[in-house]
Amino acid sequence: MNQQVAHPMEKLQRHVRSLVQSNVLKSTDRIWKIAFLYGDEWAFWKRELEDFDFSMQDTIESLLAVETWEDDE
């Protein structure tokens, strides 16, 4: 049995998509607004986002548009 593990960014993306669908966030909001929802965990997620060349000024829509998350190794 070969089971793939989701990339952590996929999990963040799914959670953010759910927040947009439930109108907690808007797709046009800036990524920095996510920080209010993640509290102490935000430092980790901010670093992850920056590793994928996201700026805190990018829109949530740009985060949701990513189809594949792959780390450069």
Protein backbone atom coordinates (compact mmCIF):
# COMPACT_ATOMS: atom_id res chain seq x y z
CA MET A 1 0.00 0.00 0.00
CA ASN A 2 1.48 3.32 -1.10
CA GLN A 3 -0.16 6.24 0.68
CA GLN A 4 0.93 9.80 -0.04
CA VAL A 5 1.23 12.31 2.77
CA ALA A 6 -0.12 15.77 2.00
CA HIS A 7 2.40 18.60 1.92
CA PRO A 8 1.89 20.94 4.92
CA MET A 9 1.10 23.77 2.51
CA GLU A 10 -1.77 21.72 1.07
CA LYS A 11 -3.24 21.51 4.56
CA LEU A 12 -2.89 25.28 5.03
CA GLN A 13 -4.40 25.87 1.59
CA ARG A 14 -7.40 23.63 2.36
CA HIS A 15 -7.97 25.40 5.67
CA VAL A 16 -7.74 28.85 4.08
CA ARG A 17 -10.08 27.77 1.25
CA SER A 18 -12.58 26.64 3.87
CA LEU A 19 -12.30 30.02 5.62
CA VAL A 20 -12.98 31.80 2.32
CA GLN A 21 -15.97 29.56 1.57
CA SER A 22 -17.42 30.28 5.02
CA ASN A 23 -16.84 34.05 4.52
CA VAL A 24 -14.36 34.39 7.39
CA LEU A 25 -11.81 35.63 4.83
CA LYS A 26 -12.17 37.04 1.32
CA SER A 27 -10.02 35.82 -1.55
CA THR A 28 -9.00 39.43 -2.12
CA ASP A 29 -7.69 39.79 1.46
CA ARG A 30 -3.93 39.89 1.94
CA ILE A 31 -2.11 36.85 3.28
CA TRP A 32 -1.11 38.69 6.47
CA LYS A 33 -4.73 38.48 7.66
CA ILE A 34 -4.25 34.74 8.16
CA ALA A 35 -1.87 35.59 11.02
CA PHE A 36 -4.79 36.60 13.24
CA LEU A 37 -6.24 33.10 12.93
CA TYR A 38 -3.04 31.14 13.53
CA GLY A 39 -1.66 32.92 16.59
CA ASP A 40 1.45 31.17 17.90
CA GLU A 41 1.68 28.94 14.83
CA TRP A 42 1.93 31.93 12.50
CA ALA A 43 5.75 32.18 12.59
CA PHE A 44 5.99 28.67 11.10
CA TRP A 45 3.41 29.34 8.38
CA LYS A 46 4.89 32.72 7.51
CA ARG A 47 8.29 31.08 7.00
CA GLU A 48 6.71 28.36 4.85
CA LEU A 49 4.90 30.93 2.72
CA GLU A 50 8.05 33.00 2.28
CA ASP A 51 9.95 29.84 1.27
CA PHE A 52 7.47 29.58 -1.61
CA ASP A 53 8.10 33.24 -2.51
CA PHE A 54 4.85 34.58 -1.11
CA SER A 55 4.77 38.06 0.34
CA MET A 56 2.43 38.99 3.16
CA GLN A 57 0.96 41.55 0.73
CA ASP A 58 -0.06 38.88 -1.80
CA THR A 59 -3.73 38.02 -1.96
CA ILE A 60 -5.21 34.88 -0.50
CA GLU A 61 -6.43 34.20 -4.02
CA SER A 62 -2.80 33.72 -5.15
CA LEU A 63 -2.28 31.16 -2.36
CA LEU A 64 -5.40 29.26 -3.39
CA ALA A 65 -4.33 29.24 -7.05
CA VAL A 66 -1.32 26.97 -6.42
CA GLU A 67 -1.96 23.53 -7.86
CA THR A 68 1.13 21.63 -6.66
CA TRP A 69 3.37 22.15 -3.65
CA GLU A 70 6.89 20.83 -4.06
CA ASP A 71 9.96 21.61 -2.00
CA ASP A 72 13.16 22.35 -3.90
CA GLU A 73 15.69 19.79 -2.77
